[in-house]
Amino acid sequence: MVAIEKDHYRVTLADASMDECDALQQICHTWEDKEYLEGSAFEKDYIRQCLTYGDLPPVPGASIEKYRLKSIRLVTSRQLVGFSDIYLGYPDEQTAWISIFLIDTKFRKQGYAREALEQIAHYCAGMGYESLAIGVHLKNWRALRFWYSAGFTSIWGISGDKDYANDSFAVIKLGKKIV
């Protein structure tokens, strides 16, 4: 990943709030092929659920205290362009897990995702985490290209259906050292 000087970031991350709930949910709807790629669309109250309960990993002891939903805004206009979440300490204590990272389609291919990802890496490294990881659906070629080019080149596992079909789905877990 190409380093971007802090003073030159065009996007900024902040803890998402209930005030942003509707706007963040609208960004969910810009991902038009999600159901095809992952097998399900966003729930109509996905963001509200994330802000209230978190999107917690399926492990004993998972808690909302380790969950962060981050809004991504343009620095100049404060316009909301995307969001990401982070679960601290999953799948191991040294890793921060990104379970969703979404840029509104109107703002893609402008480098905002890379800048936001760099800020997430700095945020997590600053709290002592050594790695970032994400699960990417294998049908999501655009995301696979993005995460690979962003340095997520370590394969941590593959789960899902064993055989390919139009209605089968699998996820590859990718990781990256950040310290």
C-alpha atoms as a PDB file:
ATOM      1  CA  MET A   1       0.000   0.000   0.000  1.00  0.00           C
ATOM      2  CA  VAL A   2       1.367   3.427  -0.910  1.00  0.00           C
ATOM      3  CA  ALA A   3       1.805   5.585   2.174  1.00  0.00           C
ATOM      4  CA  ILE A   4      -0.173   8.806   2.205  1.00  0.00           C
ATOM      5  CA  GLU A   5       1.007  11.654   4.401  1.00  0.00           C
ATOM      6  CA  LYS A   6      -1.461  12.378   7.197  1.00  0.00           C
ATOM      7  CA  ASP A   7      -1.841  16.004   6.122  1.00  0.00           C
ATOM      8  CA  HIS A   8      -2.895  14.858   2.665  1.00  0.00           C
ATOM      9  CA  TYR A   9      -5.764  12.530   3.549  1.00  0.00           C
ATOM     10  CA  ARG A  10      -8.888  13.358   1.590  1.00  0.00           C
ATOM     11  CA  VAL A  11     -11.088  11.195   3.827  1.00  0.00           C
ATOM     12  CA  THR A  12     -11.401  10.886   7.561  1.00  0.00           C
ATOM     13  CA  LEU A  13     -12.732   8.160   9.843  1.00  0.00           C
ATOM     14  CA  ALA A  14     -14.885   8.692  12.909  1.00  0.00           C
ATOM     15  CA  ASP A  15     -17.069   6.565  15.128  1.00  0.00           C
ATOM     16  CA  ALA A  16     -20.431   6.230  13.394  1.00  0.00           C
ATOM     17  CA  SER A  17     -23.480   7.530  15.233  1.00  0.00           C
ATOM     18  CA  MET A  18     -27.227   6.964  15.202  1.00  0.00           C
ATOM     19  CA  ASP A  19     -27.537  10.396  13.542  1.00  0.00           C
ATOM     20  CA  GLU A  20     -25.837   8.878  10.478  1.00  0.00           C
ATOM     21  CA  CYS A  21     -27.900   5.696  10.490  1.00  0.00           C
ATOM     22  CA  ASP A  22     -30.159   6.493   7.521  1.00  0.00           C
ATOM     23  CA  ALA A  23     -27.320   7.855   5.386  1.00  0.00           C
ATOM     24  CA  LEU A  24     -25.131   4.819   6.125  1.00  0.00           C
ATOM     25  CA  GLN A  25     -28.032   2.491   5.317  1.00  0.00           C
ATOM     26  CA  GLN A  26     -28.413   4.303   1.969  1.00  0.00           C
ATOM     27  CA  ILE A  27     -24.761   3.540   1.213  1.00  0.00           C
ATOM     28  CA  CYS A  28     -25.561  -0.139   1.809  1.00  0.00           C
ATOM     29  CA  HIS A  29     -28.107   0.063  -1.003  1.00  0.00           C
ATOM     30  CA  THR A  30     -25.481   1.332  -3.466  1.00  0.00           C
ATOM     31  CA  TRP A  31     -23.955  -2.169  -3.422  1.00  0.00           C
ATOM     32  CA  GLU A  32     -26.355  -3.486  -6.033  1.00  0.00           C
ATOM     33  CA  ASP A  33     -24.816  -6.937  -6.614  1.00  0.00           C
ATOM     34  CA  LYS A  34     -24.299  -7.888  -2.946  1.00  0.00           C
ATOM     35  CA  GLU A  35     -27.030 -10.522  -2.985  1.00  0.00           C
ATOM     36  CA  TYR A  36     -25.564 -12.160  -6.091  1.00  0.00           C
ATOM     37  CA  LEU A  37     -22.005 -12.092  -4.700  1.00  0.00           C
ATOM     38  CA  GLU A  38     -22.735 -13.088  -1.113  1.00  0.00           C
ATOM     39  CA  GLY A  39     -26.120 -14.799  -1.190  1.00  0.00           C
ATOM     40  CA  SER A  40     -28.002 -12.185   0.833  1.00  0.00           C
ATOM     41  CA  ALA A  41     -28.849  -8.506   0.720  1.00  0.00           C
ATOM     42  CA  PHE A  42     -28.382  -6.105   3.611  1.00  0.00           C
ATOM     43  CA  GLU A  43     -31.092  -6.240   6.262  1.00  0.00           C
ATOM     44  CA  LYS A  44     -33.229  -3.089   6.110  1.00  0.00           C
ATOM     45  CA  ASP A  45     -31.971  -2.066   9.565  1.00  0.00           C
ATOM     46  CA  TYR A  46     -28.400  -3.363   9.187  1.00  0.00           C
ATOM     47  CA  ILE A  47     -26.705  -0.148  10.338  1.00  0.00           C
ATOM     48  CA  ARG A  48     -29.028   0.334  13.309  1.00  0.00           C
ATOM     49  CA  GLN A  49     -28.298  -3.252  14.370  1.00  0.00           C
ATOM     50  CA  CYS A  50     -24.541  -2.653  14.039  1.00  0.00           C
ATOM     51  CA  LEU A  51     -24.723   0.510  16.119  1.00  0.00           C
ATOM     52  CA  THR A  52     -26.930  -1.097  18.760  1.00  0.00           C
ATOM     53  CA  TYR A  53     -25.551  -4.632  19.042  1.00  0.00           C
ATOM     54  CA  GLY A  54     -22.446  -4.739  16.834  1.00  0.00           C
ATOM     55  CA  ASP A  55     -21.692  -7.245  14.103  1.00  0.00           C
ATOM     56  CA  LEU A  56     -19.929  -9.672  16.396  1.00  0.00           C
ATOM     57  CA  PRO A  57     -17.870 -12.700  15.373  1.00  0.00           C
ATOM     58  CA  PRO A  58     -19.285 -16.149  16.135  1.00  0.00           C
ATOM     59  CA  VAL A  59     -17.062 -16.838  19.136  1.00  0.00           C
ATOM     60  CA  PRO A  60     -17.769 -17.229  22.834  1.00  0.00           C
ATOM     61  CA  GLY A  61     -17.288 -14.001  24.737  1.00  0.00           C
ATOM     62  CA  ALA A  62     -17.643 -11.680  21.737  1.00  0.00           C
ATOM     63  CA  SER A  63     -18.755  -8.273  22.999  1.00  0.00           C
ATOM     64  CA  ILE A  64     -19.801  -4.910  21.605  1.00  0.00           C
ATOM     65  CA  GLU A  65     -16.991  -3.286  23.597  1.00  0.00           C
ATOM     66  CA  LYS A  66     -14.531  -4.621  20.998  1.00  0.00           C
ATOM     67  CA  TYR A  67     -16.656  -3.534  18.032  1.00  0.00           C
ATOM     68  CA  ARG A  68     -16.251  -0.251  16.127  1.00  0.00           C
ATOM     69  CA  LEU A  69     -18.383   1.055  13.262  1.00  0.00           C
ATOM     70  CA  LYS A  70     -16.517   3.845  11.458  1.00  0.00           C
ATOM     71  CA  SER A  71     -17.991   6.354   9.048  1.00  0.00           C
ATOM     72  CA  ILE A  72     -15.795   7.554   6.188  1.00  0.00           C
ATOM     73  CA  ARG A  73     -16.223  11.205   5.172  1.00  0.00           C
ATOM     74  CA  LEU A  74     -14.562  13.598   2.763  1.00  0.00           C
ATOM     75  CA  VAL A  75     -12.333  15.993   4.687  1.00  0.00           C
ATOM     76  CA  THR A  76     -13.307  19.073   2.671  1.00  0.00           C
ATOM     77  CA  SER A  77     -17.105  18.759   2.518  1.00  0.00           C
ATOM     78  CA  ARG A  78     -17.725  16.258   5.377  1.00  0.00           C
ATOM     79  CA  GLN A  79     -19.838  14.255   2.894  1.00  0.00           C
ATOM     80  CA  LEU A  80     -20.356  10.649   3.915  1.00  0.00           C
ATOM     81  CA  VAL A  81     -18.745   8.336   1.332  1.00  0.00           C
ATOM     82  CA  GLY A  82     -18.602   4.980   3.086  1.00  0.00           C
ATOM     83  CA  PHE A  83     -18.154   3.004   6.264  1.00  0.00           C
ATOM     84  CA  SER A  84     -16.229   0.134   7.757  1.00  0.00           C
ATOM     85  CA  ASP A  85     -16.326  -1.852  10.914  1.00  0.00           C
ATOM     86  CA  ILE A  86     -13.579  -3.377  13.011  1.00  0.00           C
ATOM     87  CA  TYR A  87     -13.703  -6.101  15.638  1.00  0.00           C
ATOM     88  CA  LEU A  88     -10.643  -5.927  17.893  1.00  0.00           C
ATOM     89  CA  GLY A  89      -9.007  -9.223  18.851  1.00  0.00           C
ATOM     90  CA  TYR A  90     -10.463 -11.612  16.271  1.00  0.00           C
ATOM     91  CA  PRO A  91      -9.653 -14.256  15.087  1.00  0.00           C
ATOM     92  CA  ASP A  92      -6.771 -13.949  17.565  1.00  0.00           C
ATOM     93  CA  GLU A  93      -5.772 -11.362  20.150  1.00  0.00           C
ATOM     94  CA  GLN A  94      -3.220  -9.697  17.822  1.00  0.00           C
ATOM     95  CA  THR A  95      -5.650  -9.146  14.930  1.00  0.00           C
ATOM     96  CA  ALA A  96      -8.352  -6.613  14.114  1.00  0.00           C
ATOM     97  CA  TRP A  97     -11.058  -8.042  11.832  1.00  0.00           C
ATOM     98  CA  ILE A  98     -12.853  -5.986   9.189  1.00  0.00           C
ATOM     99  CA  SER A  99     -16.224  -7.566   8.479  1.00  0.00           C
ATOM    100  CA  ILE A 100     -17.564  -4.807   6.223  1.00  0.00           C
ATOM    101  CA  PHE A 101     -15.836  -2.102   4.202  1.00  0.00           C
ATOM    102  CA  LEU A 102     -17.995  -0.227   1.758  1.00  0.00           C
ATOM    103  CA  ILE A 103     -17.526   2.890  -0.337  1.00  0.00           C
ATOM    104  CA  ASP A 104     -20.586   4.415  -2.022  1.00  0.00           C
ATOM    105  CA  THR A 105     -20.444   3.558  -5.736  1.00  0.00           C
ATOM    106  CA  LYS A 106     -20.383   7.294  -6.623  1.00  0.00           C
ATOM    107  CA  PHE A 107     -17.048   7.618  -4.825  1.00  0.00           C
ATOM    108  CA  ARG A 108     -15.243   4.465  -5.956  1.00  0.00           C
ATOM    109  CA  LYS A 109     -12.061   4.457  -8.032  1.00  0.00           C
ATOM    110  CA  GLN A 110     -10.831   7.712  -6.493  1.00  0.00           C
ATOM    111  CA  GLY A 111      -8.446   6.272  -3.897  1.00  0.00           C
ATOM    112  CA  TYR A 112     -10.700   6.939  -0.909  1.00  0.00           C
ATOM    113  CA  ALA A 113     -10.842   3.266   0.075  1.00  0.00           C
ATOM    114  CA  ARG A 114      -7.048   3.023   0.232  1.00  0.00           C
ATOM    115  CA  GLU A 115      -6.819   6.157   2.339  1.00  0.00           C
ATOM    116  CA  ALA A 116      -9.496   4.895   4.727  1.00  0.00           C
ATOM    117  CA  LEU A 117      -7.806   1.502   4.955  1.00  0.00           C
ATOM    118  CA  GLU A 118      -4.478   3.142   5.762  1.00  0.00           C
ATOM    119  CA  GLN A 119      -6.166   5.057   8.582  1.00  0.00           C
ATOM    120  CA  ILE A 120      -7.745   1.863   9.910  1.00  0.00           C
ATOM    121  CA  ALA A 121      -4.305   0.218   9.910  1.00  0.00           C
ATOM    122  CA  HIS A 122      -2.785   3.174  11.827  1.00  0.00           C
ATOM    123  CA  TYR A 123      -5.696   3.149  14.296  1.00  0.00           C
ATOM    124  CA  CYS A 124      -5.345  -0.574  14.989  1.00  0.00           C
ATOM    125  CA  ALA A 125      -1.534  -0.532  15.107  1.00  0.00           C
ATOM    126  CA  GLY A 126      -1.754   2.349  17.575  1.00  0.00           C
ATOM    127  CA  MET A 127      -3.791   0.117  19.877  1.00  0.00           C
ATOM    128  CA  GLY A 128      -1.187  -2.656  19.655  1.00  0.00           C
ATOM    129  CA  TYR A 129      -2.731  -4.916  17.022  1.00  0.00           C
ATOM    130  CA  GLU A 130      -0.260  -6.556  14.648  1.00  0.00           C
ATOM    131  CA  SER A 131      -2.527  -7.645  11.792  1.00  0.00           C
ATOM    132  CA  LEU A 132      -5.689  -6.807   9.922  1.00  0.00           C
ATOM    133  CA  ALA A 133      -7.859  -9.532   8.427  1.00  0.00           C
ATOM    134  CA  ILE A 134     -10.996  -9.725   6.315  1.00  0.00           C
ATOM    135  CA  GLY A 135     -13.226 -12.374   4.763  1.00  0.00           C
ATOM    136  CA  VAL A 136     -13.934 -11.848   1.059  1.00  0.00           C
ATOM    137  CA  HIS A 137     -16.549 -13.782  -0.890  1.00  0.00           C
ATOM    138  CA  LEU A 138     -14.852 -15.597  -3.753  1.00  0.00           C
ATOM    139  CA  LYS A 139     -17.372 -14.329  -6.311  1.00  0.00           C
ATOM    140  CA  ASN A 140     -16.469 -10.747  -5.419  1.00  0.00           C
ATOM    141  CA  TRP A 141     -13.607 -10.293  -7.865  1.00  0.00           C
ATOM    142  CA  ARG A 142     -13.544  -6.515  -7.450  1.00  0.00           C
ATOM    143  CA  ALA A 143     -13.000  -6.893  -3.702  1.00  0.00           C
ATOM    144  CA  LEU A 144     -10.440  -9.673  -4.147  1.00  0.00           C
ATOM    145  CA  ARG A 145      -8.396  -7.430  -6.439  1.00  0.00           C
ATOM    146  CA  PHE A 146      -8.654  -4.497  -4.048  1.00  0.00           C
ATOM    147  CA  TRP A 147      -7.662  -6.398  -0.902  1.00  0.00           C
ATOM    148  CA  TYR A 148      -4.816  -8.232  -2.640  1.00  0.00           C
ATOM    149  CA  SER A 149      -3.421  -4.985  -4.058  1.00  0.00           C
ATOM    150  CA  ALA A 150      -3.736  -3.440  -0.573  1.00  0.00           C
ATOM    151  CA  GLY A 151      -1.350  -6.082   0.804  1.00  0.00           C
ATOM    152  CA  PHE A 152      -3.797  -8.679   2.090  1.00  0.00           C
ATOM    153  CA  THR A 153      -1.821 -11.522   0.541  1.00  0.00           C
ATOM    154  CA  SER A 154      -1.736 -14.022   3.398  1.00  0.00           C
ATOM    155  CA  ILE A 155      -4.494 -16.655   3.149  1.00  0.00           C
ATOM    156  CA  TRP A 156      -5.818 -17.510   6.610  1.00  0.00           C
ATOM    157  CA  GLY A 157      -8.461 -19.988   5.477  1.00  0.00           C
ATOM    158  CA  ILE A 158     -11.348 -20.728   3.160  1.00  0.00           C
ATOM    159  CA  SER A 159     -14.854 -21.637   4.273  1.00  0.00           C
ATOM    160  CA  GLY A 160     -18.212 -22.186   2.633  1.00  0.00           C
ATOM    161  CA  ASP A 161     -19.656 -24.469   0.014  1.00  0.00           C
ATOM    162  CA  LYS A 162     -17.229 -27.057  -1.352  1.00  0.00           C
ATOM    163  CA  ASP A 163     -18.459 -27.082  -4.955  1.00  0.00           C
ATOM    164  CA  TYR A 164     -19.165 -24.161  -7.244  1.00  0.00           C
ATOM    165  CA  ALA A 165     -22.717 -23.431  -8.340  1.00  0.00           C
ATOM    166  CA  ASN A 166     -24.685 -20.271  -9.017  1.00  0.00           C
ATOM    167  CA  ASP A 167     -26.247 -20.572  -5.573  1.00  0.00           C
ATOM    168  CA  SER A 168     -23.117 -21.634  -3.671  1.00  0.00           C
ATOM    169  CA  PHE A 169     -20.860 -19.281  -1.748  1.00  0.00           C
ATOM    170  CA  ALA A 170     -17.420 -19.374  -0.163  1.00  0.00           C
ATOM    171  CA  VAL A 171     -15.222 -16.911   1.696  1.00  0.00           C
ATOM    172  CA  ILE A 172     -11.459 -16.550   1.679  1.00  0.00           C
ATOM    173  CA  LYS A 173      -9.941 -15.075   4.813  1.00  0.00           C
ATOM    174  CA  LEU A 174      -7.055 -12.725   4.014  1.00  0.00           C
ATOM    175  CA  GLY A 175      -4.627 -11.094   6.403  1.00  0.00           C
ATOM    176  CA  LYS A 176      -1.949  -8.436   6.450  1.00  0.00           C
ATOM    177  CA  LYS A 177       0.716  -7.454   8.998  1.00  0.00           C
ATOM    178  CA  ILE A 178       0.433  -3.795  10.028  1.00  0.00           C
ATOM    179  CA  VAL A 179       3.395  -3.532  12.409  1.00  0.00           C
END
